[in-house]
């Protein structure tokens, strides 16, 4: 027997995982493939993500301690790209580009499907007013049809068009600007969206930038500050209207220069809904820092730093991180 004493059984879990060598990634892949086959119109992939009944392990046990990789497909001017987040502007559809792919969005969706990676996101980075919007949207729909039920979709989503993305194969719709309008949270829009597609199909994107000592939600392709300061209480107030949160650390997005530790400190205090963090991961050490800082509670995505997007981190290695 071990001489180590634990005040809380929760503290034992990381040690149990290491000792038993739980092969959660294989379980997640099997669950993802099964989810695609049995997908129905009202299924909720948060319950099909290999973290609960699908793998026969307690949901709380897995959700709390098994951080996992969520893949991404960012589409700008009709092309899969990786950009520096704070550089995106509506004027001339400009952005500082780290990587522009010669492959279509459906290629990446097929890759993620082959590898059994669920809960990723496809994001349209052009506004509907852009001359590139139709091609960007077409690429997004190609990705959704290549991996039905495996990807969330965001960018210009409203209560009026959300069903189009779900019908095209999205597991969830991701919203920011529609529910944060003119610098304020518009609860009437959020409720309209939930009425249209159901809470279980909604992901709220809280793209955050630092202002002074605090973090605020920004909208309109990360250009406009809202009056919503990020906090545990703020997350709790809107979690009743969504299935998950996607949180971008805009100040570090696309720079591969390290995670936003201050933002992570806020996010780790909230555990009422799944959170995926995006921003600044440029090394394997950054991933481990995120795991430690968030106590394994938060999922992560990597963009510019992956070798499939021109970076140095091995996609094959990152996809297997648990």
C-alpha atoms as a PDB file:
ATOM      1  CA  UNK A   1       0.000   0.000   0.000  1.00  0.00           C
ATOM      2  CA  UNK A   2       0.995   3.580  -0.580  1.00  0.00           C
ATOM      3  CA  UNK A   3       2.035   5.779   2.299  1.00  0.00           C
ATOM      4  CA  UNK A   4       0.740   8.856   0.484  1.00  0.00           C
ATOM      5  CA  UNK A   5      -2.352  10.264   2.101  1.00  0.00           C
ATOM      6  CA  UNK A   6      -4.948  12.229   0.125  1.00  0.00           C
ATOM      7  CA  UNK A   7      -7.279  14.695   1.776  1.00  0.00           C
ATOM      8  CA  UNK A   8      -9.678  14.515  -1.146  1.00  0.00           C
ATOM      9  CA  UNK A   9     -10.243  11.505  -3.346  1.00  0.00           C
ATOM     10  CA  UNK A  10     -10.209  13.924  -6.295  1.00  0.00           C
ATOM     11  CA  UNK A  11      -6.478  14.368  -5.683  1.00  0.00           C
ATOM     12  CA  UNK A  12      -5.961  10.662  -6.334  1.00  0.00           C
ATOM     13  CA  UNK A  13      -7.274  10.725  -9.855  1.00  0.00           C
ATOM     14  CA  UNK A  14      -4.177  11.887 -11.740  1.00  0.00           C
ATOM     15  CA  UNK A  15      -2.162   9.165  -9.976  1.00  0.00           C
ATOM     16  CA  UNK A  16      -4.791   6.551 -10.780  1.00  0.00           C
ATOM     17  CA  UNK A  17      -4.703   7.524 -14.444  1.00  0.00           C
ATOM     18  CA  UNK A  18      -0.922   7.167 -14.606  1.00  0.00           C
ATOM     19  CA  UNK A  19      -0.928   3.887 -12.684  1.00  0.00           C
ATOM     20  CA  UNK A  20      -3.637   2.168 -14.673  1.00  0.00           C
ATOM     21  CA  UNK A  21      -2.460   3.567 -18.020  1.00  0.00           C
ATOM     22  CA  UNK A  22      -5.999   4.317 -19.148  1.00  0.00           C
ATOM     23  CA  UNK A  23      -6.021   4.308 -22.961  1.00  0.00           C
ATOM     24  CA  UNK A  24      -8.537   7.117 -23.244  1.00  0.00           C
ATOM     25  CA  UNK A  25      -7.518   8.138 -26.759  1.00  0.00           C
ATOM     26  CA  UNK A  26      -8.446   4.746 -28.248  1.00  0.00           C
ATOM     27  CA  UNK A  27     -11.736   4.888 -26.379  1.00  0.00           C
ATOM     28  CA  UNK A  28     -12.396   8.384 -27.738  1.00  0.00           C
ATOM     29  CA  UNK A  29     -11.696   7.259 -31.304  1.00  0.00           C
ATOM     30  CA  UNK A  30     -14.072   4.330 -31.032  1.00  0.00           C
ATOM     31  CA  UNK A  31     -16.750   6.564 -29.545  1.00  0.00           C
ATOM     32  CA  UNK A  32     -16.274   9.132 -32.310  1.00  0.00           C
ATOM     33  CA  UNK A  33     -16.683   6.564 -35.062  1.00  0.00           C
ATOM     34  CA  UNK A  34     -19.755   5.137 -33.383  1.00  0.00           C
ATOM     35  CA  UNK A  35     -21.188   8.632 -32.976  1.00  0.00           C
ATOM     36  CA  UNK A  36     -20.900   9.357 -36.697  1.00  0.00           C
ATOM     37  CA  UNK A  37     -22.799   6.177 -37.552  1.00  0.00           C
ATOM     38  CA  UNK A  38     -25.583   6.724 -35.086  1.00  0.00           C
ATOM     39  CA  UNK A  39     -25.866  10.492 -35.494  1.00  0.00           C
ATOM     40  CA  UNK A  40     -29.396  11.810 -35.352  1.00  0.00           C
ATOM     41  CA  UNK A  41     -30.776  15.287 -35.804  1.00  0.00           C
ATOM     42  CA  UNK A  42     -31.026  15.988 -32.109  1.00  0.00           C
ATOM     43  CA  UNK A  43     -27.949  14.125 -30.875  1.00  0.00           C
ATOM     44  CA  UNK A  44     -25.551  16.113 -28.742  1.00  0.00           C
ATOM     45  CA  UNK A  45     -21.904  15.317 -29.491  1.00  0.00           C
ATOM     46  CA  UNK A  46     -20.896  16.571 -26.058  1.00  0.00           C
ATOM     47  CA  UNK A  47     -22.435  13.323 -24.890  1.00  0.00           C
ATOM     48  CA  UNK A  48     -20.834  11.405 -27.749  1.00  0.00           C
ATOM     49  CA  UNK A  49     -17.305  12.613 -27.259  1.00  0.00           C
ATOM     50  CA  UNK A  50     -15.799   9.571 -25.597  1.00  0.00           C
ATOM     51  CA  UNK A  51     -15.993  11.015 -22.107  1.00  0.00           C
ATOM     52  CA  UNK A  52     -18.946   9.306 -20.530  1.00  0.00           C
ATOM     53  CA  UNK A  53     -21.250   6.369 -21.159  1.00  0.00           C
ATOM     54  CA  UNK A  54     -19.629   5.738 -24.553  1.00  0.00           C
ATOM     55  CA  UNK A  55     -16.455   4.439 -22.922  1.00  0.00           C
ATOM     56  CA  UNK A  56     -17.987   3.036 -19.774  1.00  0.00           C
ATOM     57  CA  UNK A  57     -16.102   5.398 -17.463  1.00  0.00           C
ATOM     58  CA  UNK A  58     -17.581   7.965 -15.086  1.00  0.00           C
ATOM     59  CA  UNK A  59     -18.234  11.210 -16.931  1.00  0.00           C
ATOM     60  CA  UNK A  60     -17.004  13.416 -14.094  1.00  0.00           C
ATOM     61  CA  UNK A  61     -13.801  11.394 -13.755  1.00  0.00           C
ATOM     62  CA  UNK A  62     -12.931  11.813 -17.433  1.00  0.00           C
ATOM     63  CA  UNK A  63     -14.273  15.306 -17.975  1.00  0.00           C
ATOM     64  CA  UNK A  64     -12.380  16.721 -15.057  1.00  0.00           C
ATOM     65  CA  UNK A  65      -8.985  15.142 -15.635  1.00  0.00           C
ATOM     66  CA  UNK A  66      -8.547  14.075 -19.264  1.00  0.00           C
ATOM     67  CA  UNK A  67      -7.704  17.198 -21.217  1.00  0.00           C
ATOM     68  CA  UNK A  68      -7.899  16.506 -24.935  1.00  0.00           C
ATOM     69  CA  UNK A  69      -6.984  18.025 -28.267  1.00  0.00           C
ATOM     70  CA  UNK A  70      -9.729  19.647 -30.356  1.00  0.00           C
ATOM     71  CA  UNK A  71      -8.779  20.223 -34.020  1.00  0.00           C
ATOM     72  CA  UNK A  72      -9.574  23.360 -36.016  1.00  0.00           C
ATOM     73  CA  UNK A  73     -10.207  24.549 -39.560  1.00  0.00           C
ATOM     74  CA  UNK A  74     -10.034  28.334 -39.980  1.00  0.00           C
ATOM     75  CA  UNK A  75     -11.230  29.617 -43.352  1.00  0.00           C
ATOM     76  CA  UNK A  76     -10.383  33.093 -44.630  1.00  0.00           C
ATOM     77  CA  UNK A  77     -10.936  34.456 -48.137  1.00  0.00           C
ATOM     78  CA  UNK A  78     -12.052  30.997 -49.244  1.00  0.00           C
ATOM     79  CA  UNK A  79      -8.862  29.302 -48.087  1.00  0.00           C
ATOM     80  CA  UNK A  80      -7.793  27.306 -45.028  1.00  0.00           C
ATOM     81  CA  UNK A  81      -5.410  29.573 -43.139  1.00  0.00           C
ATOM     82  CA  UNK A  82      -3.785  30.260 -39.830  1.00  0.00           C
ATOM     83  CA  UNK A  83      -3.692  33.954 -38.970  1.00  0.00           C
ATOM     84  CA  UNK A  84      -2.596  36.232 -36.144  1.00  0.00           C
ATOM     85  CA  UNK A  85      -5.882  36.809 -34.332  1.00  0.00           C
ATOM     86  CA  UNK A  86      -5.555  40.486 -33.535  1.00  0.00           C
ATOM     87  CA  UNK A  87      -4.628  41.315 -37.144  1.00  0.00           C
ATOM     88  CA  UNK A  88      -8.000  40.390 -38.684  1.00  0.00           C
ATOM     89  CA  UNK A  89      -9.873  43.363 -40.175  1.00  0.00           C
ATOM     90  CA  UNK A  90     -12.955  43.775 -42.310  1.00  0.00           C
ATOM     91  CA  UNK A  91     -11.283  46.408 -44.453  1.00  0.00           C
ATOM     92  CA  UNK A  92     -10.052  44.698 -47.611  1.00  0.00           C
ATOM     93  CA  UNK A  93     -10.513  41.369 -45.783  1.00  0.00           C
ATOM     94  CA  UNK A  94      -7.036  41.841 -44.362  1.00  0.00           C
ATOM     95  CA  UNK A  95      -5.077  39.677 -41.919  1.00  0.00           C
ATOM     96  CA  UNK A  96      -1.511  38.766 -41.059  1.00  0.00           C
ATOM     97  CA  UNK A  97      -1.225  35.221 -42.384  1.00  0.00           C
ATOM     98  CA  UNK A  98       0.968  32.563 -40.786  1.00  0.00           C
ATOM     99  CA  UNK A  99      -0.073  29.796 -43.170  1.00  0.00           C
ATOM    100  CA  UNK A 100      -2.263  29.391 -46.244  1.00  0.00           C
ATOM    101  CA  UNK A 101      -3.100  25.867 -47.366  1.00  0.00           C
ATOM    102  CA  UNK A 102      -3.287  24.544 -50.898  1.00  0.00           C
ATOM    103  CA  UNK A 103      -5.760  21.921 -49.654  1.00  0.00           C
ATOM    104  CA  UNK A 104      -9.486  22.349 -49.211  1.00  0.00           C
ATOM    105  CA  UNK A 105     -11.246  22.380 -45.858  1.00  0.00           C
ATOM    106  CA  UNK A 106     -12.688  18.940 -46.587  1.00  0.00           C
ATOM    107  CA  UNK A 107      -9.169  17.474 -46.586  1.00  0.00           C
ATOM    108  CA  UNK A 108      -8.637  18.499 -42.972  1.00  0.00           C
ATOM    109  CA  UNK A 109     -12.129  17.368 -41.973  1.00  0.00           C
ATOM    110  CA  UNK A 110     -11.416  13.962 -43.516  1.00  0.00           C
ATOM    111  CA  UNK A 111      -8.134  13.761 -41.626  1.00  0.00           C
ATOM    112  CA  UNK A 112      -9.839  14.502 -38.315  1.00  0.00           C
ATOM    113  CA  UNK A 113     -12.563  11.974 -39.071  1.00  0.00           C
ATOM    114  CA  UNK A 114      -9.979   9.313 -39.926  1.00  0.00           C
ATOM    115  CA  UNK A 115      -8.249   9.959 -36.606  1.00  0.00           C
ATOM    116  CA  UNK A 116     -11.488   9.971 -34.599  1.00  0.00           C
ATOM    117  CA  UNK A 117     -11.059  13.523 -33.311  1.00  0.00           C
ATOM    118  CA  UNK A 118     -14.389  15.010 -32.261  1.00  0.00           C
ATOM    119  CA  UNK A 119     -15.475  18.420 -31.060  1.00  0.00           C
ATOM    120  CA  UNK A 120     -13.268  20.419 -33.418  1.00  0.00           C
ATOM    121  CA  UNK A 121     -14.396  23.603 -35.084  1.00  0.00           C
ATOM    122  CA  UNK A 122     -14.628  25.103 -38.552  1.00  0.00           C
ATOM    123  CA  UNK A 123     -14.648  28.897 -38.446  1.00  0.00           C
ATOM    124  CA  UNK A 124     -15.606  31.314 -41.223  1.00  0.00           C
ATOM    125  CA  UNK A 125     -13.398  34.381 -40.817  1.00  0.00           C
ATOM    126  CA  UNK A 126     -15.099  36.551 -43.447  1.00  0.00           C
ATOM    127  CA  UNK A 127     -18.264  38.540 -42.707  1.00  0.00           C
ATOM    128  CA  UNK A 128     -21.330  38.067 -44.928  1.00  0.00           C
ATOM    129  CA  UNK A 129     -20.570  41.453 -46.493  1.00  0.00           C
ATOM    130  CA  UNK A 130     -17.241  40.217 -47.842  1.00  0.00           C
ATOM    131  CA  UNK A 131     -16.822  39.361 -51.504  1.00  0.00           C
ATOM    132  CA  UNK A 132     -15.056  36.214 -50.289  1.00  0.00           C
ATOM    133  CA  UNK A 133     -17.892  35.102 -48.019  1.00  0.00           C
ATOM    134  CA  UNK A 134     -19.621  32.707 -50.425  1.00  0.00           C
ATOM    135  CA  UNK A 135     -16.389  30.820 -51.146  1.00  0.00           C
ATOM    136  CA  UNK A 136     -15.486  30.749 -47.450  1.00  0.00           C
ATOM    137  CA  UNK A 137     -18.950  29.383 -46.663  1.00  0.00           C
ATOM    138  CA  UNK A 138     -18.660  26.790 -49.443  1.00  0.00           C
ATOM    139  CA  UNK A 139     -15.383  25.550 -47.973  1.00  0.00           C
ATOM    140  CA  UNK A 140     -16.980  25.299 -44.534  1.00  0.00           C
ATOM    141  CA  UNK A 141     -19.866  23.264 -45.882  1.00  0.00           C
ATOM    142  CA  UNK A 142     -17.429  20.937 -47.666  1.00  0.00           C
ATOM    143  CA  UNK A 143     -15.744  20.305 -44.318  1.00  0.00           C
ATOM    144  CA  UNK A 144     -19.054  19.656 -42.550  1.00  0.00           C
ATOM    145  CA  UNK A 145     -20.189  17.183 -45.209  1.00  0.00           C
ATOM    146  CA  UNK A 146     -16.826  15.379 -45.019  1.00  0.00           C
ATOM    147  CA  UNK A 147     -17.236  14.817 -41.276  1.00  0.00           C
ATOM    148  CA  UNK A 148     -20.935  14.917 -40.337  1.00  0.00           C
ATOM    149  CA  UNK A 149     -21.391  15.284 -36.592  1.00  0.00           C
ATOM    150  CA  UNK A 150     -17.681  15.734 -36.004  1.00  0.00           C
ATOM    151  CA  UNK A 151     -17.226  19.487 -36.289  1.00  0.00           C
ATOM    152  CA  UNK A 152     -18.761  22.602 -34.825  1.00  0.00           C
ATOM    153  CA  UNK A 153     -19.270  25.579 -37.149  1.00  0.00           C
ATOM    154  CA  UNK A 154     -19.052  29.289 -36.478  1.00  0.00           C
ATOM    155  CA  UNK A 155     -18.760  32.653 -38.143  1.00  0.00           C
ATOM    156  CA  UNK A 156     -21.821  34.751 -38.909  1.00  0.00           C
ATOM    157  CA  UNK A 157     -24.227  32.312 -37.243  1.00  0.00           C
ATOM    158  CA  UNK A 158     -27.668  33.668 -36.276  1.00  0.00           C
ATOM    159  CA  UNK A 159     -30.975  32.189 -35.185  1.00  0.00           C
ATOM    160  CA  UNK A 160     -32.124  32.494 -38.799  1.00  0.00           C
ATOM    161  CA  UNK A 161     -29.290  30.528 -40.429  1.00  0.00           C
ATOM    162  CA  UNK A 162     -28.087  28.202 -37.637  1.00  0.00           C
ATOM    163  CA  UNK A 163     -30.171  25.287 -38.882  1.00  0.00           C
ATOM    164  CA  UNK A 164     -28.415  25.460 -42.264  1.00  0.00           C
ATOM    165  CA  UNK A 165     -25.109  24.602 -40.606  1.00  0.00           C
ATOM    166  CA  UNK A 166     -26.633  21.781 -38.579  1.00  0.00           C
ATOM    167  CA  UNK A 167     -28.336  20.357 -41.660  1.00  0.00           C
ATOM    168  CA  UNK A 168     -24.996  20.518 -43.476  1.00  0.00           C
ATOM    169  CA  UNK A 169     -23.445  18.283 -40.805  1.00  0.00           C
ATOM    170  CA  UNK A 170     -22.314  20.536 -37.954  1.00  0.00           C
ATOM    171  CA  UNK A 171     -22.681  19.063 -34.483  1.00  0.00           C
ATOM    172  CA  UNK A 172     -23.052  22.551 -32.953  1.00  0.00           C
ATOM    173  CA  UNK A 173     -23.145  26.160 -34.044  1.00  0.00           C
ATOM    174  CA  UNK A 174     -20.671  28.618 -32.543  1.00  0.00           C
ATOM    175  CA  UNK A 175     -21.764  32.197 -31.869  1.00  0.00           C
ATOM    176  CA  UNK A 176     -20.218  35.437 -30.668  1.00  0.00           C
ATOM    177  CA  UNK A 177     -21.238  38.548 -32.565  1.00  0.00           C
ATOM    178  CA  UNK A 178     -24.904  37.564 -32.787  1.00  0.00           C
ATOM    179  CA  UNK A 179     -25.281  37.388 -29.012  1.00  0.00           C
ATOM    180  CA  UNK A 180     -22.857  40.231 -28.258  1.00  0.00           C
ATOM    181  CA  UNK A 181     -24.177  43.132 -30.288  1.00  0.00           C
ATOM    182  CA  UNK A 182     -23.197  46.814 -30.011  1.00  0.00           C
ATOM    183  CA  UNK A 183     -20.929  46.001 -27.115  1.00  0.00           C
ATOM    184  CA  UNK A 184     -23.556  44.284 -24.979  1.00  0.00           C
ATOM    185  CA  UNK A 185     -24.840  40.778 -24.328  1.00  0.00           C
ATOM    186  CA  UNK A 186     -28.185  40.467 -26.124  1.00  0.00           C
ATOM    187  CA  UNK A 187     -30.072  37.830 -24.176  1.00  0.00           C
ATOM    188  CA  UNK A 188     -33.007  38.059 -26.561  1.00  0.00           C
ATOM    189  CA  UNK A 189     -30.769  36.905 -29.422  1.00  0.00           C
ATOM    190  CA  UNK A 190     -29.287  34.098 -27.366  1.00  0.00           C
ATOM    191  CA  UNK A 191     -32.752  32.894 -26.382  1.00  0.00           C
ATOM    192  CA  UNK A 192     -33.891  33.076 -30.022  1.00  0.00           C
ATOM    193  CA  UNK A 193     -30.964  30.893 -31.021  1.00  0.00           C
ATOM    194  CA  UNK A 194     -31.702  28.357 -28.290  1.00  0.00           C
ATOM    195  CA  UNK A 195     -35.351  28.289 -29.333  1.00  0.00           C
ATOM    196  CA  UNK A 196     -34.283  27.672 -32.933  1.00  0.00           C
ATOM    197  CA  UNK A 197     -31.815  24.814 -32.452  1.00  0.00           C
ATOM    198  CA  UNK A 198     -31.777  23.818 -28.765  1.00  0.00           C
ATOM    199  CA  UNK A 199     -29.288  24.559 -25.978  1.00  0.00           C
ATOM    200  CA  UNK A 200     -27.462  21.307 -26.668  1.00  0.00           C
ATOM    201  CA  UNK A 201     -26.421  22.497 -30.128  1.00  0.00           C
ATOM    202  CA  UNK A 202     -25.010  25.876 -29.085  1.00  0.00           C
ATOM    203  CA  UNK A 203     -21.380  26.774 -28.361  1.00  0.00           C
ATOM    204  CA  UNK A 204     -20.644  30.311 -27.192  1.00  0.00           C
ATOM    205  CA  UNK A 205     -17.321  31.683 -28.388  1.00  0.00           C
ATOM    206  CA  UNK A 206     -15.893  34.007 -25.778  1.00  0.00           C
ATOM    207  CA  UNK A 207     -12.989  35.560 -27.619  1.00  0.00           C
ATOM    208  CA  UNK A 208     -11.167  37.557 -24.958  1.00  0.00           C
ATOM    209  CA  UNK A 209      -8.660  40.383 -24.892  1.00  0.00           C
ATOM    210  CA  UNK A 210      -6.979  41.969 -21.901  1.00  0.00           C
ATOM    211  CA  UNK A 211      -7.915  45.510 -20.932  1.00  0.00           C
ATOM    212  CA  UNK A 212      -5.994  46.644 -17.896  1.00  0.00           C
ATOM    213  CA  UNK A 213      -6.038  43.837 -15.340  1.00  0.00           C
ATOM    214  CA  UNK A 214      -9.208  42.216 -16.702  1.00  0.00           C
ATOM    215  CA  UNK A 215     -10.354  40.275 -19.755  1.00  0.00           C
ATOM    216  CA  UNK A 216     -13.285  41.326 -21.892  1.00  0.00           C
ATOM    217  CA  UNK A 217     -15.196  39.555 -24.639  1.00  0.00           C
ATOM    218  CA  UNK A 218     -14.499  40.947 -28.116  1.00  0.00           C
ATOM    219  CA  UNK A 219     -16.627  40.506 -31.227  1.00  0.00           C
ATOM    220  CA  UNK A 220     -16.737  41.200 -34.972  1.00  0.00           C
ATOM    221  CA  UNK A 221     -13.681  39.131 -35.811  1.00  0.00           C
ATOM    222  CA  UNK A 222     -12.002  40.224 -32.563  1.00  0.00           C
ATOM    223  CA  UNK A 223     -12.092  43.931 -33.384  1.00  0.00           C
ATOM    224  CA  UNK A 224     -14.696  45.345 -30.942  1.00  0.00           C
ATOM    225  CA  UNK A 225     -14.683  45.235 -27.141  1.00  0.00           C
ATOM    226  CA  UNK A 226     -17.931  44.453 -25.325  1.00  0.00           C
ATOM    227  CA  UNK A 227     -18.828  45.419 -21.751  1.00  0.00           C
ATOM    228  CA  UNK A 228     -18.719  41.780 -20.596  1.00  0.00           C
ATOM    229  CA  UNK A 229     -15.826  41.138 -18.215  1.00  0.00           C
ATOM    230  CA  UNK A 230     -14.867  37.486 -18.039  1.00  0.00           C
ATOM    231  CA  UNK A 231     -15.404  35.841 -14.657  1.00  0.00           C
ATOM    232  CA  UNK A 232     -16.683  32.615 -13.153  1.00  0.00           C
ATOM    233  CA  UNK A 233     -19.984  34.347 -12.469  1.00  0.00           C
ATOM    234  CA  UNK A 234     -20.282  35.626 -16.041  1.00  0.00           C
ATOM    235  CA  UNK A 235     -19.670  32.147 -17.419  1.00  0.00           C
ATOM    236  CA  UNK A 236     -22.285  30.718 -15.077  1.00  0.00           C
ATOM    237  CA  UNK A 237     -24.904  33.240 -16.126  1.00  0.00           C
ATOM    238  CA  UNK A 238     -24.801  32.213 -19.789  1.00  0.00           C
ATOM    239  CA  UNK A 239     -23.943  28.520 -19.428  1.00  0.00           C
ATOM    240  CA  UNK A 240     -27.682  27.814 -19.085  1.00  0.00           C
ATOM    241  CA  UNK A 241     -28.003  28.683 -22.759  1.00  0.00           C
ATOM    242  CA  UNK A 242     -25.201  26.627 -24.277  1.00  0.00           C
ATOM    243  CA  UNK A 243     -23.586  23.208 -24.337  1.00  0.00           C
ATOM    244  CA  UNK A 244     -19.947  24.332 -24.379  1.00  0.00           C
ATOM    245  CA  UNK A 245     -17.634  27.332 -24.464  1.00  0.00           C
ATOM    246  CA  UNK A 246     -14.873  28.039 -26.967  1.00  0.00           C
ATOM    247  CA  UNK A 247     -12.477  30.619 -25.559  1.00  0.00           C
ATOM    248  CA  UNK A 248      -9.891  32.368 -27.723  1.00  0.00           C
ATOM    249  CA  UNK A 249      -7.019  34.192 -26.091  1.00  0.00           C
ATOM    250  CA  UNK A 250      -6.931  36.832 -28.799  1.00  0.00           C
ATOM    251  CA  UNK A 251      -3.828  38.615 -27.497  1.00  0.00           C
ATOM    252  CA  UNK A 252      -1.759  35.460 -28.077  1.00  0.00           C
ATOM    253  CA  UNK A 253      -3.758  33.852 -30.902  1.00  0.00           C
ATOM    254  CA  UNK A 254      -1.607  32.841 -33.866  1.00  0.00           C
ATOM    255  CA  UNK A 255       1.666  33.878 -32.242  1.00  0.00           C
ATOM    256  CA  UNK A 256       2.782  30.454 -30.918  1.00  0.00           C
ATOM    257  CA  UNK A 257       4.511  32.305 -28.082  1.00  0.00           C
ATOM    258  CA  UNK A 258       2.832  30.692 -25.078  1.00  0.00           C
ATOM    259  CA  UNK A 259      -0.577  30.449 -23.451  1.00  0.00           C
ATOM    260  CA  UNK A 260      -2.420  33.323 -21.788  1.00  0.00           C
ATOM    261  CA  UNK A 261      -1.924  32.263 -18.176  1.00  0.00           C
ATOM    262  CA  UNK A 262      -4.132  35.001 -16.761  1.00  0.00           C
ATOM    263  CA  UNK A 263      -7.031  33.901 -18.903  1.00  0.00           C
ATOM    264  CA  UNK A 264      -6.512  30.265 -17.919  1.00  0.00           C
ATOM    265  CA  UNK A 265      -6.651  31.160 -14.225  1.00  0.00           C
ATOM    266  CA  UNK A 266     -10.168  32.477 -14.716  1.00  0.00           C
ATOM    267  CA  UNK A 267     -11.354  29.580 -16.861  1.00  0.00           C
ATOM    268  CA  UNK A 268     -10.181  26.831 -14.514  1.00  0.00           C
ATOM    269  CA  UNK A 269     -12.498  28.078 -11.775  1.00  0.00           C
ATOM    270  CA  UNK A 270     -15.537  27.224 -13.894  1.00  0.00           C
ATOM    271  CA  UNK A 271     -16.604  23.593 -14.371  1.00  0.00           C
ATOM    272  CA  UNK A 272     -20.310  23.692 -15.204  1.00  0.00           C
ATOM    273  CA  UNK A 273     -19.751  23.232 -18.963  1.00  0.00           C
ATOM    274  CA  UNK A 274     -16.888  22.025 -21.173  1.00  0.00           C
ATOM    275  CA  UNK A 275     -14.373  24.671 -22.229  1.00  0.00           C
ATOM    276  CA  UNK A 276     -11.942  24.547 -25.138  1.00  0.00           C
ATOM    277  CA  UNK A 277      -9.043  26.998 -25.048  1.00  0.00           C
ATOM    278  CA  UNK A 278      -7.346  28.381 -28.155  1.00  0.00           C
ATOM    279  CA  UNK A 279      -4.401  30.720 -28.294  1.00  0.00           C
ATOM    280  CA  UNK A 280      -0.617  30.844 -28.176  1.00  0.00           C
ATOM    281  CA  UNK A 281       0.292  27.154 -27.900  1.00  0.00           C
ATOM    282  CA  UNK A 282       3.612  26.799 -29.690  1.00  0.00           C
ATOM    283  CA  UNK A 283       5.366  23.915 -27.944  1.00  0.00           C
ATOM    284  CA  UNK A 284       4.705  20.663 -26.143  1.00  0.00           C
ATOM    285  CA  UNK A 285       5.773  22.457 -22.989  1.00  0.00           C
ATOM    286  CA  UNK A 286       2.957  24.973 -23.519  1.00  0.00           C
ATOM    287  CA  UNK A 287       0.480  22.088 -23.587  1.00  0.00           C
ATOM    288  CA  UNK A 288       1.832  20.752 -20.316  1.00  0.00           C
ATOM    289  CA  UNK A 289       1.715  24.237 -18.793  1.00  0.00           C
ATOM    290  CA  UNK A 290      -1.934  24.441 -19.813  1.00  0.00           C
ATOM    291  CA  UNK A 291      -2.645  21.054 -18.262  1.00  0.00           C
ATOM    292  CA  UNK A 292      -1.043  22.098 -14.986  1.00  0.00           C
ATOM    293  CA  UNK A 293      -2.549  25.582 -14.907  1.00  0.00           C
ATOM    294  CA  UNK A 294      -6.052  24.314 -15.703  1.00  0.00           C
ATOM    295  CA  UNK A 295      -5.709  21.126 -13.640  1.00  0.00           C
ATOM    296  CA  UNK A 296      -6.668  19.069 -16.695  1.00  0.00           C
ATOM    297  CA  UNK A 297     -10.156  20.584 -16.847  1.00  0.00           C
ATOM    298  CA  UNK A 298      -9.849  22.461 -20.146  1.00  0.00           C
ATOM    299  CA  UNK A 299      -9.522  21.057 -23.669  1.00  0.00           C
ATOM    300  CA  UNK A 300      -7.231  22.774 -26.144  1.00  0.00           C
ATOM    301  CA  UNK A 301      -6.732  23.460 -29.808  1.00  0.00           C
ATOM    302  CA  UNK A 302      -3.519  24.164 -31.689  1.00  0.00           C
ATOM    303  CA  UNK A 303      -3.369  25.979 -35.004  1.00  0.00           C
ATOM    304  CA  UNK A 304      -0.288  27.705 -36.406  1.00  0.00           C
ATOM    305  CA  UNK A 305       2.168  25.576 -34.433  1.00  0.00           C
ATOM    306  CA  UNK A 306       1.036  22.259 -35.999  1.00  0.00           C
ATOM    307  CA  UNK A 307       3.063  20.808 -38.850  1.00  0.00           C
ATOM    308  CA  UNK A 308      -0.102  20.358 -40.928  1.00  0.00           C
ATOM    309  CA  UNK A 309      -0.389  24.168 -40.804  1.00  0.00           C
ATOM    310  CA  UNK A 310       3.291  24.891 -41.420  1.00  0.00           C
ATOM    311  CA  UNK A 311       4.421  24.730 -37.783  1.00  0.00           C
ATOM    312  CA  UNK A 312       6.871  22.541 -35.906  1.00  0.00           C
ATOM    313  CA  UNK A 313       4.623  20.483 -33.602  1.00  0.00           C
ATOM    314  CA  UNK A 314       3.759  17.021 -34.856  1.00  0.00           C
ATOM    315  CA  UNK A 315       0.038  16.641 -35.479  1.00  0.00           C
ATOM    316  CA  UNK A 316       0.442  12.885 -34.981  1.00  0.00           C
ATOM    317  CA  UNK A 317       1.906  13.489 -31.528  1.00  0.00           C
ATOM    318  CA  UNK A 318      -0.482  16.239 -30.444  1.00  0.00           C
ATOM    319  CA  UNK A 319      -3.593  14.296 -31.465  1.00  0.00           C
ATOM    320  CA  UNK A 320      -2.636  11.551 -29.016  1.00  0.00           C
ATOM    321  CA  UNK A 321      -2.094  13.811 -26.018  1.00  0.00           C
ATOM    322  CA  UNK A 322      -4.418  12.983 -23.123  1.00  0.00           C
END
